[in-house]
Amino acid sequence: MILQDQVLQLIHAQLDILGYENYAYLGPDEATYPFVTYSPVSSLIDEGFTHDYEQIRTQMSVFDDNSSPTNVIDMLNNIEHLFNRNHTLALPDPDAGSLTCIKKTNEWLRRDNDDFYWQGTIEFVFYCQKTPSQIAISSSSSSSYFENWSTSSNSSSSSSSSSSSSSSSRS
């Protein structure tokens, strides 16, 4: 989650550079059109469990209440250009690593006729190269998870076996 938070901070800062009002996850009801929302869709730790990098799929949506989709299309093109493939950006925390957009996966445009706005959505897969300190954090957090899991599963199995032995002694 630490790395994912860094990616969201970087996306926010980059959208600020474009001058777009932007929000993580959802825009507030009082948001002024046009605006952009962004959120992680999924995260995949590197193959081989070396914790050297992580791939984070992120979705960005543009909302505008104009009668024409032109502004939404222009904003999507600017966002795509901003995160141009193979353009590497440093994450806000220098110890976290760097971020490279490796591919655009989806893009679509739709009109919401109930609320009368256009929504354009684009998805990117970002390659997050971790620094040695971030790799150490990732490795230690996953190993402590498994250590805690094995400890808790052993204690629950021993408590269940002791309760089953006490119930069998009652019969």
C-alpha atoms as a PDB file:
ATOM      1  CA  MET A   1       0.000   0.000   0.000  1.00  0.00           C
ATOM      2  CA  ILE A   2       2.891   2.379   0.644  1.00  0.00           C
ATOM      3  CA  LEU A   3       3.976   2.193  -2.994  1.00  0.00           C
ATOM      4  CA  GLN A   4       0.402   2.555  -4.235  1.00  0.00           C
ATOM      5  CA  ASP A   5       0.003   5.743  -2.149  1.00  0.00           C
ATOM      6  CA  GLN A   6       3.191   7.101  -3.724  1.00  0.00           C
ATOM      7  CA  VAL A   7       1.804   6.405  -7.207  1.00  0.00           C
ATOM      8  CA  LEU A   8      -1.461   8.215  -6.391  1.00  0.00           C
ATOM      9  CA  GLN A   9       0.479  11.235  -5.072  1.00  0.00           C
ATOM     10  CA  LEU A  10       2.507  11.339  -8.281  1.00  0.00           C
ATOM     11  CA  ILE A  11      -0.603  11.114 -10.485  1.00  0.00           C
ATOM     12  CA  HIS A  12      -2.199  13.952  -8.495  1.00  0.00           C
ATOM     13  CA  ALA A  13       0.887  16.146  -8.923  1.00  0.00           C
ATOM     14  CA  GLN A  14       1.090  15.412 -12.659  1.00  0.00           C
ATOM     15  CA  LEU A  15      -2.600  16.244 -13.202  1.00  0.00           C
ATOM     16  CA  ASP A  16      -2.028  19.478 -11.247  1.00  0.00           C
ATOM     17  CA  ILE A  17       0.679  20.360 -13.784  1.00  0.00           C
ATOM     18  CA  LEU A  18      -1.981  20.137 -16.502  1.00  0.00           C
ATOM     19  CA  GLY A  19      -4.179  22.433 -14.393  1.00  0.00           C
ATOM     20  CA  TYR A  20      -6.938  19.849 -14.011  1.00  0.00           C
ATOM     21  CA  GLU A  21      -9.088  19.715 -10.909  1.00  0.00           C
ATOM     22  CA  ASN A  22      -8.496  16.136  -9.751  1.00  0.00           C
ATOM     23  CA  TYR A  23      -9.510  13.764  -7.001  1.00  0.00           C
ATOM     24  CA  ALA A  24      -8.429  10.342  -5.788  1.00  0.00           C
ATOM     25  CA  TYR A  25     -11.206   7.754  -6.164  1.00  0.00           C
ATOM     26  CA  LEU A  26     -14.335   9.988  -6.387  1.00  0.00           C
ATOM     27  CA  GLY A  27     -15.061  13.634  -7.043  1.00  0.00           C
ATOM     28  CA  PRO A  28     -17.198  15.461  -4.470  1.00  0.00           C
ATOM     29  CA  ASP A  29     -20.791  16.353  -5.314  1.00  0.00           C
ATOM     30  CA  GLU A  30     -19.834  20.045  -5.495  1.00  0.00           C
ATOM     31  CA  ALA A  31     -16.913  19.465  -7.927  1.00  0.00           C
ATOM     32  CA  THR A  32     -16.750  21.919 -10.806  1.00  0.00           C
ATOM     33  CA  TYR A  33     -16.730  20.429 -14.302  1.00  0.00           C
ATOM     34  CA  PRO A  34     -14.461  19.415 -15.921  1.00  0.00           C
ATOM     35  CA  PHE A  35     -12.560  17.300 -13.395  1.00  0.00           C
ATOM     36  CA  VAL A  36     -10.535  14.096 -13.271  1.00  0.00           C
ATOM     37  CA  THR A  37     -10.733  11.154 -10.865  1.00  0.00           C
ATOM     38  CA  TYR A  38      -8.052   8.487 -10.536  1.00  0.00           C
ATOM     39  CA  SER A  39      -7.819   5.226  -8.660  1.00  0.00           C
ATOM     40  CA  PRO A  40      -5.818   2.013  -8.627  1.00  0.00           C
ATOM     41  CA  VAL A  41      -7.577  -0.949 -10.208  1.00  0.00           C
ATOM     42  CA  SER A  42      -5.118  -3.715  -9.367  1.00  0.00           C
ATOM     43  CA  SER A  43      -1.568  -4.366  -8.306  1.00  0.00           C
ATOM     44  CA  LEU A  44       0.754  -7.215  -9.258  1.00  0.00           C
ATOM     45  CA  ILE A  45       4.018  -7.918  -7.472  1.00  0.00           C
ATOM     46  CA  ASP A  46       6.852  -8.978  -9.758  1.00  0.00           C
ATOM     47  CA  GLU A  47       7.102 -12.536 -10.933  1.00  0.00           C
ATOM     48  CA  GLY A  48       9.477 -14.615  -8.833  1.00  0.00           C
ATOM     49  CA  PHE A  49       8.600 -12.771  -5.604  1.00  0.00           C
ATOM     50  CA  THR A  50      11.860 -10.814  -5.584  1.00  0.00           C
ATOM     51  CA  HIS A  51       9.930  -7.615  -4.716  1.00  0.00           C
ATOM     52  CA  ASP A  52      12.060  -5.585  -7.152  1.00  0.00           C
ATOM     53  CA  TYR A  53       9.091  -3.999  -8.871  1.00  0.00           C
ATOM     54  CA  GLU A  54       5.323  -3.837  -8.877  1.00  0.00           C
ATOM     55  CA  GLN A  55       2.836  -3.257 -11.672  1.00  0.00           C
ATOM     56  CA  ILE A  56      -0.104  -1.024 -10.774  1.00  0.00           C
ATOM     57  CA  ARG A  57      -3.082  -0.686 -13.123  1.00  0.00           C
ATOM     58  CA  THR A  58      -4.664   2.738 -12.653  1.00  0.00           C
ATOM     59  CA  GLN A  59      -7.868   4.178 -14.070  1.00  0.00           C
ATOM     60  CA  MET A  60      -8.384   7.891 -14.741  1.00  0.00           C
ATOM     61  CA  SER A  61     -11.777   9.327 -15.651  1.00  0.00           C
ATOM     62  CA  VAL A  62     -12.591  12.785 -17.023  1.00  0.00           C
ATOM     63  CA  PHE A  63     -16.040  14.272 -16.382  1.00  0.00           C
ATOM     64  CA  ASP A  64     -17.513  17.272 -18.197  1.00  0.00           C
ATOM     65  CA  ASP A  65     -21.040  18.671 -18.503  1.00  0.00           C
ATOM     66  CA  ASN A  66     -20.529  20.255 -21.953  1.00  0.00           C
ATOM     67  CA  SER A  67     -22.978  19.179 -24.648  1.00  0.00           C
ATOM     68  CA  SER A  68     -20.019  18.071 -26.788  1.00  0.00           C
ATOM     69  CA  PRO A  69     -17.383  15.457 -25.859  1.00  0.00           C
ATOM     70  CA  THR A  70     -14.566  17.546 -27.407  1.00  0.00           C
ATOM     71  CA  ASN A  71     -13.178  18.805 -24.090  1.00  0.00           C
ATOM     72  CA  VAL A  72     -13.167  15.295 -22.583  1.00  0.00           C
ATOM     73  CA  ILE A  73     -11.354  13.919 -25.637  1.00  0.00           C
ATOM     74  CA  ASP A  74      -8.754  16.723 -25.462  1.00  0.00           C
ATOM     75  CA  MET A  75      -8.198  16.121 -21.744  1.00  0.00           C
ATOM     76  CA  LEU A  76      -7.792  12.352 -22.296  1.00  0.00           C
ATOM     77  CA  ASN A  77      -5.238  13.046 -25.043  1.00  0.00           C
ATOM     78  CA  ASN A  78      -3.308  15.367 -22.700  1.00  0.00           C
ATOM     79  CA  ILE A  79      -3.323  12.748 -19.928  1.00  0.00           C
ATOM     80  CA  GLU A  80      -2.140  10.085 -22.371  1.00  0.00           C
ATOM     81  CA  HIS A  81       0.662  12.383 -23.541  1.00  0.00           C
ATOM     82  CA  LEU A  82       1.589  13.187 -19.916  1.00  0.00           C
ATOM     83  CA  PHE A  83       2.063   9.517 -19.047  1.00  0.00           C
ATOM     84  CA  ASN A  84       3.620   8.686 -22.407  1.00  0.00           C
ATOM     85  CA  ARG A  85       4.996   5.171 -22.618  1.00  0.00           C
ATOM     86  CA  ASN A  86       8.549   4.767 -21.326  1.00  0.00           C
ATOM     87  CA  HIS A  87       8.588   8.192 -19.668  1.00  0.00           C
ATOM     88  CA  THR A  88      10.055   7.572 -16.181  1.00  0.00           C
ATOM     89  CA  LEU A  89       9.049   9.761 -13.239  1.00  0.00           C
ATOM     90  CA  ALA A  90      10.477   9.800  -9.725  1.00  0.00           C
ATOM     91  CA  LEU A  91       7.989   8.969  -6.987  1.00  0.00           C
ATOM     92  CA  PRO A  92       7.425  11.706  -4.338  1.00  0.00           C
ATOM     93  CA  ASP A  93       9.457   9.814  -1.732  1.00  0.00           C
ATOM     94  CA  PRO A  94      12.961   9.402  -3.204  1.00  0.00           C
ATOM     95  CA  ASP A  95      13.348   6.134  -1.290  1.00  0.00           C
ATOM     96  CA  ALA A  96      10.226   4.652  -2.929  1.00  0.00           C
ATOM     97  CA  GLY A  97      11.583   4.298  -6.470  1.00  0.00           C
ATOM     98  CA  SER A  98      10.484   5.344  -9.941  1.00  0.00           C
ATOM     99  CA  LEU A  99       7.410   4.975 -12.117  1.00  0.00           C
ATOM    100  CA  THR A 100       7.202   4.194 -15.832  1.00  0.00           C
ATOM    101  CA  CYS A 101       4.007   3.830 -17.813  1.00  0.00           C
ATOM    102  CA  ILE A 102       4.406   0.596 -19.759  1.00  0.00           C
ATOM    103  CA  LYS A 103       1.084   0.514 -21.576  1.00  0.00           C
ATOM    104  CA  LYS A 104      -2.333   2.014 -22.032  1.00  0.00           C
ATOM    105  CA  THR A 105      -4.882  -0.772 -21.704  1.00  0.00           C
ATOM    106  CA  ASN A 106      -8.338   0.736 -22.225  1.00  0.00           C
ATOM    107  CA  GLU A 107      -9.976   3.962 -23.258  1.00  0.00           C
ATOM    108  CA  TRP A 108     -13.653   4.709 -23.626  1.00  0.00           C
ATOM    109  CA  LEU A 109     -16.136   7.573 -23.814  1.00  0.00           C
ATOM    110  CA  ARG A 110     -19.771   7.600 -22.752  1.00  0.00           C
ATOM    111  CA  ARG A 111     -22.630  10.031 -22.219  1.00  0.00           C
ATOM    112  CA  ASP A 112     -24.665   9.852 -19.006  1.00  0.00           C
ATOM    113  CA  ASN A 113     -28.093  10.964 -20.171  1.00  0.00           C
ATOM    114  CA  ASP A 114     -29.587  10.987 -16.675  1.00  0.00           C
ATOM    115  CA  ASP A 115     -27.116  13.479 -15.210  1.00  0.00           C
ATOM    116  CA  PHE A 116     -26.100  15.044 -18.551  1.00  0.00           C
ATOM    117  CA  TYR A 117     -22.329  14.704 -18.456  1.00  0.00           C
ATOM    118  CA  TRP A 118     -19.632  13.079 -20.574  1.00  0.00           C
ATOM    119  CA  GLN A 119     -17.229  10.583 -19.034  1.00  0.00           C
ATOM    120  CA  GLY A 120     -14.003   9.556 -20.686  1.00  0.00           C
ATOM    121  CA  THR A 121     -11.903   6.865 -19.054  1.00  0.00           C
ATOM    122  CA  ILE A 122      -8.371   5.710 -19.696  1.00  0.00           C
ATOM    123  CA  GLU A 123      -6.378   2.951 -17.973  1.00  0.00           C
ATOM    124  CA  PHE A 124      -2.626   2.639 -17.685  1.00  0.00           C
ATOM    125  CA  VAL A 125      -0.310  -0.038 -16.350  1.00  0.00           C
ATOM    126  CA  PHE A 126       2.577   1.511 -14.438  1.00  0.00           C
ATOM    127  CA  TYR A 127       5.842  -0.297 -13.754  1.00  0.00           C
ATOM    128  CA  CYS A 128       7.146   0.749 -10.336  1.00  0.00           C
ATOM    129  CA  GLN A 129      10.848   0.058  -9.929  1.00  0.00           C
ATOM    130  CA  LYS A 130      11.588  -0.113  -6.218  1.00  0.00           C
ATOM    131  CA  THR A 131      14.733   1.135  -4.492  1.00  0.00           C
ATOM    132  CA  PRO A 132      16.671  -1.248  -2.221  1.00  0.00           C
ATOM    133  CA  SER A 133      15.034   0.265   0.897  1.00  0.00           C
ATOM    134  CA  GLN A 134      11.530  -0.211  -0.598  1.00  0.00           C
ATOM    135  CA  ILE A 135      12.391  -3.808  -1.559  1.00  0.00           C
ATOM    136  CA  ALA A 136      13.422  -4.460   2.060  1.00  0.00           C
ATOM    137  CA  ILE A 137      10.084  -3.042   3.309  1.00  0.00           C
ATOM    138  CA  SER A 138       8.117  -5.208   0.850  1.00  0.00           C
ATOM    139  CA  SER A 139      10.072  -8.346   1.697  1.00  0.00           C
ATOM    140  CA  SER A 140       9.821  -7.885   5.452  1.00  0.00           C
ATOM    141  CA  SER A 141       6.102  -7.041   5.395  1.00  0.00           C
ATOM    142  CA  SER A 142       5.198 -10.128   3.364  1.00  0.00           C
ATOM    143  CA  SER A 143       7.393 -12.447   5.433  1.00  0.00           C
ATOM    144  CA  SER A 144       5.921 -11.091   8.678  1.00  0.00           C
ATOM    145  CA  TYR A 145       2.449 -11.690   7.234  1.00  0.00           C
ATOM    146  CA  PHE A 146       3.256 -15.334   6.592  1.00  0.00           C
ATOM    147  CA  GLU A 147       4.934 -15.687   9.992  1.00  0.00           C
ATOM    148  CA  ASN A 148       1.852 -14.201  11.690  1.00  0.00           C
ATOM    149  CA  TRP A 149      -0.440 -16.369   9.598  1.00  0.00           C
ATOM    150  CA  SER A 150       1.410 -19.586  10.441  1.00  0.00           C
ATOM    151  CA  THR A 151       1.533 -18.645  14.124  1.00  0.00           C
ATOM    152  CA  SER A 152      -2.181 -17.832  14.260  1.00  0.00           C
ATOM    153  CA  SER A 153      -3.165 -20.923  12.277  1.00  0.00           C
ATOM    154  CA  ASN A 154      -1.056 -23.134  14.575  1.00  0.00           C
ATOM    155  CA  SER A 155      -2.596 -21.624  17.691  1.00  0.00           C
ATOM    156  CA  SER A 156      -6.125 -21.939  16.302  1.00  0.00           C
ATOM    157  CA  SER A 157      -5.546 -25.572  15.281  1.00  0.00           C
ATOM    158  CA  SER A 158      -4.119 -26.412  18.705  1.00  0.00           C
ATOM    159  CA  SER A 159      -7.051 -24.688  20.431  1.00  0.00           C
ATOM    160  CA  SER A 160      -9.519 -26.534  18.189  1.00  0.00           C
ATOM    161  CA  SER A 161      -7.820 -29.867  18.896  1.00  0.00           C
ATOM    162  CA  SER A 162      -7.865 -29.174  22.635  1.00  0.00           C
ATOM    163  CA  SER A 163     -11.544 -28.254  22.473  1.00  0.00           C
ATOM    164  CA  SER A 164     -12.330 -31.403  20.490  1.00  0.00           C
ATOM    165  CA  SER A 165     -10.452 -33.534  23.017  1.00  0.00           C
ATOM    166  CA  SER A 166     -12.334 -31.914  25.887  1.00  0.00           C
ATOM    167  CA  SER A 167     -15.656 -32.478  24.122  1.00  0.00           C
ATOM    168  CA  SER A 168     -14.789 -36.124  23.491  1.00  0.00           C
ATOM    169  CA  SER A 169     -13.987 -36.597  27.184  1.00  0.00           C
ATOM    170  CA  ARG A 170     -17.477 -35.347  28.066  1.00  0.00           C
ATOM    171  CA  SER A 171     -19.217 -38.112  26.121  1.00  0.00           C
END
